[in-house]
PDB file of N, CA and C in Angstrom:
ATOM      1  N   MET A   1       9.359  23.884  -1.470  1.00  0.00           N
ATOM      2  CA  MET A   1       9.142  22.455  -1.754  1.00  0.00           C
ATOM      3  C   MET A   1       8.057  21.903  -0.866  1.00  0.00           C
ATOM      4  N   ASN A   2       6.827  22.082  -1.268  1.00  0.00           N
ATOM      5  CA  ASN A   2       5.688  21.642  -0.492  1.00  0.00           C
ATOM      6  C   ASN A   2       5.057  20.350  -1.013  1.00  0.00           C
ATOM      7  N   GLU A   3       5.617  19.771  -2.059  1.00  0.00           N
ATOM      8  CA  GLU A   3       5.059  18.557  -2.662  1.00  0.00           C
ATOM      9  C   GLU A   3       5.186  17.379  -1.703  1.00  0.00           C
ATOM     10  N   ILE A   4       4.124  16.651  -1.525  1.00  0.00           N
ATOM     11  CA  ILE A   4       4.117  15.482  -0.670  1.00  0.00           C
ATOM     12  C   ILE A   4       4.818  14.344  -1.375  1.00  0.00           C
ATOM     13  N   LEU A   5       5.800  13.706  -0.742  1.00  0.00           N
ATOM     14  CA  LEU A   5       6.552  12.625  -1.341  1.00  0.00           C
ATOM     15  C   LEU A   5       6.145  11.284  -0.738  1.00  0.00           C
ATOM     16  N   VAL A   6       5.695  11.268   0.533  1.00  0.00           N
ATOM     17  CA  VAL A   6       5.303  10.022   1.178  1.00  0.00           C
ATOM     18  C   VAL A   6       3.953  10.172   1.848  1.00  0.00           C
ATOM     19  N   TYR A   7       3.213   9.078   1.920  1.00  0.00           N
ATOM     20  CA  TYR A   7       1.886   9.059   2.580  1.00  0.00           C
ATOM     21  C   TYR A   7       1.914   8.023   3.715  1.00  0.00           C
ATOM     22  N   THR A   8       1.132   8.279   4.720  1.00  0.00           N
ATOM     23  CA  THR A   8       0.894   7.292   5.768  1.00  0.00           C
ATOM     24  C   THR A   8      -0.132   6.288   5.254  1.00  0.00           C
ATOM     25  N   VAL A   9      -0.262   5.165   5.944  1.00  0.00           N
ATOM     26  CA  VAL A   9      -1.279   4.194   5.588  1.00  0.00           C
ATOM     27  C   VAL A   9      -2.677   4.799   5.643  1.00  0.00           C
ATOM     28  N   GLN A  10      -2.917   5.637   6.664  1.00  0.00           N
ATOM     29  CA  GLN A  10      -4.198   6.307   6.799  1.00  0.00           C
ATOM     30  C   GLN A  10      -4.497   7.225   5.624  1.00  0.00           C
ATOM     31  N   GLU A  11      -3.507   7.961   5.184  1.00  0.00           N
ATOM     32  CA  GLU A  11      -3.641   8.844   4.053  1.00  0.00           C
ATOM     33  C   GLU A  11      -3.961   8.052   2.796  1.00  0.00           C
ATOM     34  N   VAL A  12      -3.246   6.975   2.547  1.00  0.00           N
ATOM     35  CA  VAL A  12      -3.503   6.150   1.354  1.00  0.00           C
ATOM     36  C   VAL A  12      -4.886   5.584   1.431  1.00  0.00           C
ATOM     37  N   ALA A  13      -5.326   5.148   2.609  1.00  0.00           N
ATOM     38  CA  ALA A  13      -6.694   4.615   2.777  1.00  0.00           C
ATOM     39  C   ALA A  13      -7.721   5.671   2.368  1.00  0.00           C
ATOM     40  N   ARG A  14      -7.534   6.921   2.827  1.00  0.00           N
ATOM     41  CA  ARG A  14      -8.461   8.000   2.427  1.00  0.00           C
ATOM     42  C   ARG A  14      -8.415   8.257   0.929  1.00  0.00           C
ATOM     43  N   ILE A  15      -7.227   8.250   0.363  1.00  0.00           N
ATOM     44  CA  ILE A  15      -7.082   8.516  -1.091  1.00  0.00           C
ATOM     45  C   ILE A  15      -7.809   7.422  -1.876  1.00  0.00           C
ATOM     46  N   LEU A  16      -7.682   6.177  -1.457  1.00  0.00           N
ATOM     47  CA  LEU A  16      -8.249   5.063  -2.186  1.00  0.00           C
ATOM     48  C   LEU A  16      -9.687   4.729  -1.734  1.00  0.00           C
ATOM     49  N   HIS A  17     -10.196   5.481  -0.770  1.00  0.00           N
ATOM     50  CA  HIS A  17     -11.562   5.267  -0.230  1.00  0.00           C
ATOM     51  C   HIS A  17     -11.723   3.836   0.279  1.00  0.00           C
ATOM     52  N   SER A  18     -10.746   3.413   1.099  1.00  0.00           N
ATOM     53  CA  SER A  18     -10.777   2.111   1.678  1.00  0.00           C
ATOM     54  C   SER A  18     -10.306   2.187   3.126  1.00  0.00           C
ATOM     55  N   SER A  19     -10.153   1.059   3.780  1.00  0.00           N
ATOM     56  CA  SER A  19      -9.732   1.071   5.194  1.00  0.00           C
ATOM     57  C   SER A  19      -8.232   0.910   5.348  1.00  0.00           C
ATOM     58  N   PRO A  20      -7.663   1.415   6.444  1.00  0.00           N
ATOM     59  CA  PRO A  20      -6.260   1.172   6.712  1.00  0.00           C
ATOM     60  C   PRO A  20      -5.904  -0.331   6.757  1.00  0.00           C
ATOM     61  N   ASN A  21      -6.830  -1.142   7.289  1.00  0.00           N
ATOM     62  CA  ASN A  21      -6.556  -2.623   7.330  1.00  0.00           C
ATOM     63  C   ASN A  21      -6.394  -3.185   5.918  1.00  0.00           C
ATOM     64  N   TYR A  22      -7.169  -2.680   4.963  1.00  0.00           N
ATOM     65  CA  TYR A  22      -7.048  -3.134   3.583  1.00  0.00           C
ATOM     66  C   TYR A  22      -5.669  -2.714   3.017  1.00  0.00           C
ATOM     67  N   ILE A  23      -5.265  -1.524   3.334  1.00  0.00           N
ATOM     68  CA  ILE A  23      -3.960  -1.042   2.872  1.00  0.00           C
ATOM     69  C   ILE A  23      -2.835  -1.882   3.432  1.00  0.00           C
ATOM     70  N   TYR A  24      -2.920  -2.220   4.753  1.00  0.00           N
ATOM     71  CA  TYR A  24      -1.928  -3.119   5.387  1.00  0.00           C
ATOM     72  C   TYR A  24      -1.910  -4.481   4.683  1.00  0.00           C
ATOM     73  N   THR A  25      -3.099  -4.977   4.263  1.00  0.00           N
ATOM     74  CA  THR A  25      -3.150  -6.242   3.576  1.00  0.00           C
ATOM     75  C   THR A  25      -2.472  -6.146   2.217  1.00  0.00           C
ATOM     76  N   LEU A  26      -2.708  -5.067   1.486  1.00  0.00           N
ATOM     77  CA  LEU A  26      -2.016  -4.863   0.204  1.00  0.00           C
ATOM     78  C   LEU A  26      -0.493  -4.878   0.361  1.00  0.00           C
ATOM     79  N   ILE A  27      -0.055  -4.230   1.485  1.00  0.00           N
ATOM     80  CA  ILE A  27       1.399  -4.177   1.774  1.00  0.00           C
ATOM     81  C   ILE A  27       1.888  -5.581   2.159  1.00  0.00           C
ATOM     82  N   ASP A  28       1.160  -6.220   3.086  1.00  0.00           N
ATOM     83  CA  ASP A  28       1.579  -7.555   3.543  1.00  0.00           C
ATOM     84  C   ASP A  28       1.606  -8.591   2.410  1.00  0.00           C
ATOM     85  N   LYS A  29       0.691  -8.470   1.469  1.00  0.00           N
ATOM     86  CA  LYS A  29       0.646  -9.422   0.328  1.00  0.00           C
ATOM     87  C   LYS A  29       1.650  -9.093  -0.742  1.00  0.00           C
ATOM     88  N   GLY A  30       2.322  -7.902  -0.642  1.00  0.00           N
ATOM     89  CA  GLY A  30       3.332  -7.537  -1.594  1.00  0.00           C
ATOM     90  C   GLY A  30       2.866  -6.740  -2.791  1.00  0.00           C
ATOM     91  N   TYR A  31       1.591  -6.357  -2.771  1.00  0.00           N
ATOM     92  CA  TYR A  31       1.058  -5.584  -3.891  1.00  0.00           C
ATOM     93  C   TYR A  31       1.418  -4.125  -3.837  1.00  0.00           C
ATOM     94  N   LEU A  32       1.563  -3.593  -2.639  1.00  0.00           N
ATOM     95  CA  LEU A  32       1.869  -2.169  -2.455  1.00  0.00           C
ATOM     96  C   LEU A  32       3.161  -2.042  -1.672  1.00  0.00           C
ATOM     97  N   PRO A  33       4.270  -1.823  -2.295  1.00  0.00           N
ATOM     98  CA  PRO A  33       5.541  -1.647  -1.597  1.00  0.00           C
ATOM     99  C   PRO A  33       5.461  -0.449  -0.629  1.00  0.00           C
ATOM    100  N   ALA A  34       6.147  -0.604   0.505  1.00  0.00           N
ATOM    101  CA  ALA A  34       6.154   0.442   1.499  1.00  0.00           C
ATOM    102  C   ALA A  34       7.516   0.405   2.202  1.00  0.00           C
ATOM    103  N   ILE A  35       7.736   1.491   2.945  1.00  0.00           N
ATOM    104  CA  ILE A  35       8.992   1.587   3.723  1.00  0.00           C
ATOM    105  C   ILE A  35       8.590   1.926   5.143  1.00  0.00           C
ATOM    106  N   LYS A  36       9.461   1.566   6.076  1.00  0.00           N
ATOM    107  CA  LYS A  36       9.220   1.846   7.479  1.00  0.00           C
ATOM    108  C   LYS A  36      10.125   2.986   7.903  1.00  0.00           C
ATOM    109  N   LEU A  37       9.529   4.130   8.178  1.00  0.00           N
ATOM    110  CA  LEU A  37      10.215   5.327   8.682  1.00  0.00           C
ATOM    111  C   LEU A  37       9.525   5.702   9.986  1.00  0.00           C
ATOM    112  N   GLY A  38       9.812   4.948  11.021  1.00  0.00           N
ATOM    113  CA  GLY A  38       9.051   5.130  12.282  1.00  0.00           C
ATOM    114  C   GLY A  38       7.781   4.332  12.187  1.00  0.00           C
ATOM    115  N   SER A  39       6.965   4.663  11.204  1.00  0.00           N
ATOM    116  CA  SER A  39       5.747   3.880  10.882  1.00  0.00           C
ATOM    117  C   SER A  39       5.800   3.642   9.379  1.00  0.00           C
ATOM    118  N   ILE A  40       4.860   2.789   8.933  1.00  0.00           N
ATOM    119  CA  ILE A  40       4.898   2.431   7.497  1.00  0.00           C
ATOM    120  C   ILE A  40       4.464   3.608   6.646  1.00  0.00           C
ATOM    121  N   LYS A  41       5.219   3.840   5.588  1.00  0.00           N
ATOM    122  CA  LYS A  41       4.971   4.947   4.665  1.00  0.00           C
ATOM    123  C   LYS A  41       4.964   4.378   3.213  1.00  0.00           C
ATOM    124  N   ILE A  42       4.161   5.036   2.388  1.00  0.00           N
ATOM    125  CA  ILE A  42       4.111   4.672   0.972  1.00  0.00           C
ATOM    126  C   ILE A  42       4.527   5.849   0.158  1.00  0.00           C
ATOM    127  N   LEU A  43       5.525   5.643  -0.740  1.00  0.00           N
ATOM    128  CA  LEU A  43       5.946   6.731  -1.615  1.00  0.00           C
ATOM    129  C   LEU A  43       4.829   7.147  -2.565  1.00  0.00           C
ATOM    130  N   LYS A  44       4.673   8.396  -2.838  1.00  0.00           N
ATOM    131  CA  LYS A  44       3.698   8.882  -3.796  1.00  0.00           C
ATOM    132  C   LYS A  44       3.879   8.180  -5.127  1.00  0.00           C
ATOM    133  N   SER A  45       5.125   8.104  -5.608  1.00  0.00           N
ATOM    134  CA  SER A  45       5.377   7.470  -6.915  1.00  0.00           C
ATOM    135  C   SER A  45       5.008   5.991  -6.857  1.00  0.00           C
ATOM    136  N   THR A  46       5.207   5.325  -5.740  1.00  0.00           N
ATOM    137  CA  THR A  46       4.842   3.900  -5.634  1.00  0.00           C
ATOM    138  C   THR A  46       3.321   3.741  -5.704  1.00  0.00           C
ATOM    139  N   LEU A  47       2.604   4.599  -5.049  1.00  0.00           N
ATOM    140  CA  LEU A  47       1.139   4.553  -5.056  1.00  0.00           C
ATOM    141  C   LEU A  47       0.632   4.767  -6.493  1.00  0.00           C
ATOM    142  N   GLU A  48       1.193   5.764  -7.195  1.00  0.00           N
ATOM    143  CA  GLU A  48       0.785   6.019  -8.571  1.00  0.00           C
ATOM    144  C   GLU A  48       1.085   4.809  -9.456  1.00  0.00           C
ATOM    145  N   LYS A  49       2.256   4.222  -9.295  1.00  0.00           N
ATOM    146  CA  LYS A  49       2.625   3.026 -10.075  1.00  0.00           C
ATOM    147  C   LYS A  49       1.675   1.860  -9.802  1.00  0.00           C
ATOM    148  N   PHE A  50       1.364   1.638  -8.544  1.00  0.00           N
ATOM    149  CA  PHE A  50       0.433   0.606  -8.124  1.00  0.00           C
ATOM    150  C   PHE A  50      -0.917   0.787  -8.793  1.00  0.00           C
ATOM    151  N   LEU A  51      -1.429   2.016  -8.829  1.00  0.00           N
ATOM    152  CA  LEU A  51      -2.729   2.252  -9.438  1.00  0.00           C
ATOM    153  C   LEU A  51      -2.697   1.987 -10.975  1.00  0.00           C
ATOM    154  N   VAL A  52      -1.659   2.431 -11.619  1.00  0.00           N
ATOM    155  CA  VAL A  52      -1.577   2.215 -13.077  1.00  0.00           C
ATOM    156  C   VAL A  52      -1.403   0.743 -13.386  1.00  0.00           C
ATOM    157  N   GLU A  53      -0.553   0.032 -12.646  1.00  0.00           N
ATOM    158  CA  GLU A  53      -0.325  -1.396 -12.917  1.00  0.00           C
ATOM    159  C   GLU A  53      -1.541  -2.261 -12.620  1.00  0.00           C
ATOM    160  N   ASN A  54      -2.369  -1.824 -11.694  1.00  0.00           N
ATOM    161  CA  ASN A  54      -3.532  -2.654 -11.311  1.00  0.00           C
ATOM    162  C   ASN A  54      -4.843  -2.164 -11.834  1.00  0.00           C
ATOM    163  N   GLU A  55      -4.814  -1.178 -12.717  1.00  0.00           N
ATOM    164  CA  GLU A  55      -6.068  -0.718 -13.356  1.00  0.00           C
ATOM    165  C   GLU A  55      -6.742  -1.861 -14.056  1.00  0.00           C
ATOM    166  N   GLY A  56      -8.008  -2.036 -13.804  1.00  0.00           N
ATOM    167  CA  GLY A  56      -8.765  -3.121 -14.420  1.00  0.00           C
ATOM    168  C   GLY A  56      -8.735  -4.421 -13.643  1.00  0.00           C
ATOM    169  N   ASN A  57      -7.858  -4.564 -12.634  1.00  0.00           N
ATOM    170  CA  ASN A  57      -7.790  -5.760 -11.834  1.00  0.00           C
ATOM    171  C   ASN A  57      -8.771  -5.680 -10.694  1.00  0.00           C
ATOM    172  N   ASP A  58      -9.240  -6.856 -10.240  1.00  0.00           N
ATOM    173  CA  ASP A  58     -10.143  -6.941  -9.109  1.00  0.00           C
ATOM    174  C   ASP A  58      -9.302  -7.391  -7.888  1.00  0.00           C
ATOM    175  N   LEU A  59      -8.986  -6.434  -7.048  1.00  0.00           N
ATOM    176  CA  LEU A  59      -8.244  -6.718  -5.813  1.00  0.00           C
ATOM    177  C   LEU A  59      -9.112  -6.664  -4.584  1.00  0.00           C
ATOM    178  N   SER A  60     -10.426  -6.814  -4.773  1.00  0.00           N
ATOM    179  CA  SER A  60     -11.360  -6.635  -3.674  1.00  0.00           C
ATOM    180  C   SER A  60     -11.279  -7.795  -2.659  1.00  0.00           C
ATOM    181  N   ASP A  61     -10.797  -8.939  -3.042  1.00  0.00           N
ATOM    182  CA  ASP A  61     -10.706 -10.056  -2.100  1.00  0.00           C
ATOM    183  C   ASP A  61      -9.279 -10.629  -2.108  1.00  0.00           C
ATOM    184  N   ILE A  62      -8.314  -9.746  -1.776  1.00  0.00           N
ATOM    185  CA  ILE A  62      -6.925 -10.165  -1.852  1.00  0.00           C
ATOM    186  C   ILE A  62      -6.509 -11.045  -0.697  1.00  0.00           C
ATOM    187  N   SER A  63      -7.389 -11.192   0.308  1.00  0.00           N
ATOM    188  CA  SER A  63      -7.061 -12.054   1.467  1.00  0.00           C
ATOM    189  C   SER A  63      -6.950 -13.535   1.046  1.00  0.00           C
ATOM    190  N   ASN A  64      -7.565 -13.875  -0.109  1.00  0.00           N
ATOM    191  CA  ASN A  64      -7.491 -15.240  -0.596  1.00  0.00           C
ATOM    192  C   ASN A  64      -6.365 -15.426  -1.618  1.00  0.00           C
ATOM    193  N   ILE A  65      -5.675 -14.382  -1.966  1.00  0.00           N
ATOM    194  CA  ILE A  65      -4.567 -14.467  -2.920  1.00  0.00           C
ATOM    195  C   ILE A  65      -3.265 -14.769  -2.201  1.00  0.00           C
ATOM    196  N   LYS A  66      -2.434 -15.623  -2.758  1.00  0.00           N
ATOM    197  CA  LYS A  66      -1.180 -15.969  -2.136  1.00  0.00           C
ATOM    198  C   LYS A  66      -0.302 -14.729  -1.857  1.00  0.00           C
ATOM    199  N   LYS A  67       0.321 -14.785  -0.737  1.00  0.00           N
ATOM    200  CA  LYS A  67       1.192 -13.655  -0.337  1.00  0.00           C
ATOM    201  C   LYS A  67       2.465 -13.579  -1.214  1.00  0.00           C
ATOM    202  N   LEU A  68       2.712 -12.367  -1.757  1.00  0.00           N
ATOM    203  CA  LEU A  68       3.957 -12.144  -2.488  1.00  0.00           C
ATOM    204  C   LEU A  68       5.049 -11.879  -1.441  1.00  0.00           C
ATOM    205  N   GLU A  69       6.323 -12.025  -1.896  1.00  0.00           N
ATOM    206  CA  GLU A  69       7.415 -11.803  -0.976  1.00  0.00           C
ATOM    207  C   GLU A  69       7.588 -10.301  -0.661  1.00  0.00           C
ATOM    208  N   THR A  70       7.677  -9.934   0.642  1.00  0.00           N
ATOM    209  CA  THR A  70       7.935  -8.603   1.073  1.00  0.00           C
ATOM    210  C   THR A  70       9.048  -8.613   2.087  1.00  0.00           C
ATOM    211  N   ASN A  71       9.590  -7.463   2.365  1.00  0.00           N
ATOM    212  CA  ASN A  71      10.674  -7.412   3.358  1.00  0.00           C
ATOM    213  C   ASN A  71      10.281  -6.521   4.542  1.00  0.00           C
ATOM    214  N   LEU A  72       9.011  -6.335   4.785  1.00  0.00           N
ATOM    215  CA  LEU A  72       8.576  -5.496   5.916  1.00  0.00           C
ATOM    216  C   LEU A  72       8.377  -6.298   7.188  1.00  0.00           C
ATOM    217  N   GLY A  73       8.108  -7.572   7.052  1.00  0.00           N
ATOM    218  CA  GLY A  73       7.801  -8.375   8.241  1.00  0.00           C
ATOM    219  C   GLY A  73       6.421  -8.097   8.796  1.00  0.00           C
ATOM    220  N   ASP A  74       6.192  -8.521  10.033  1.00  0.00           N
ATOM    221  CA  ASP A  74       4.864  -8.340  10.620  1.00  0.00           C
ATOM    222  C   ASP A  74       4.820  -7.160  11.579  1.00  0.00           C
ATOM    223  N   ASP A  75       5.877  -6.487  11.863  1.00  0.00           N
ATOM    224  CA  ASP A  75       5.846  -5.400  12.819  1.00  0.00           C
ATOM    225  C   ASP A  75       5.486  -4.079  12.170  1.00  0.00           C
ATOM    226  N   ARG A  76       4.479  -3.416  12.724  1.00  0.00           N
ATOM    227  CA  ARG A  76       4.031  -2.124  12.225  1.00  0.00           C
ATOM    228  C   ARG A  76       4.367  -1.109  13.194  1.00  0.00           C
TER     229      ARG A  76
END
């Protein structure tokens, strides 16, 4: 069983060719659900669902979009 089930924020940033800060913003705004297992992790299935659901959307300036409700808080 070598299949990867969870990614770190840094791994997701590399996969999406973006910065870790942008991934944290996606999480903080509620666009990319994550769990805290010592540090913040993103399920592989959640990342895949996020990509499918947001295909065709422009999320390049999400800092101006209202924050969605999340349950992670501000501690990383």
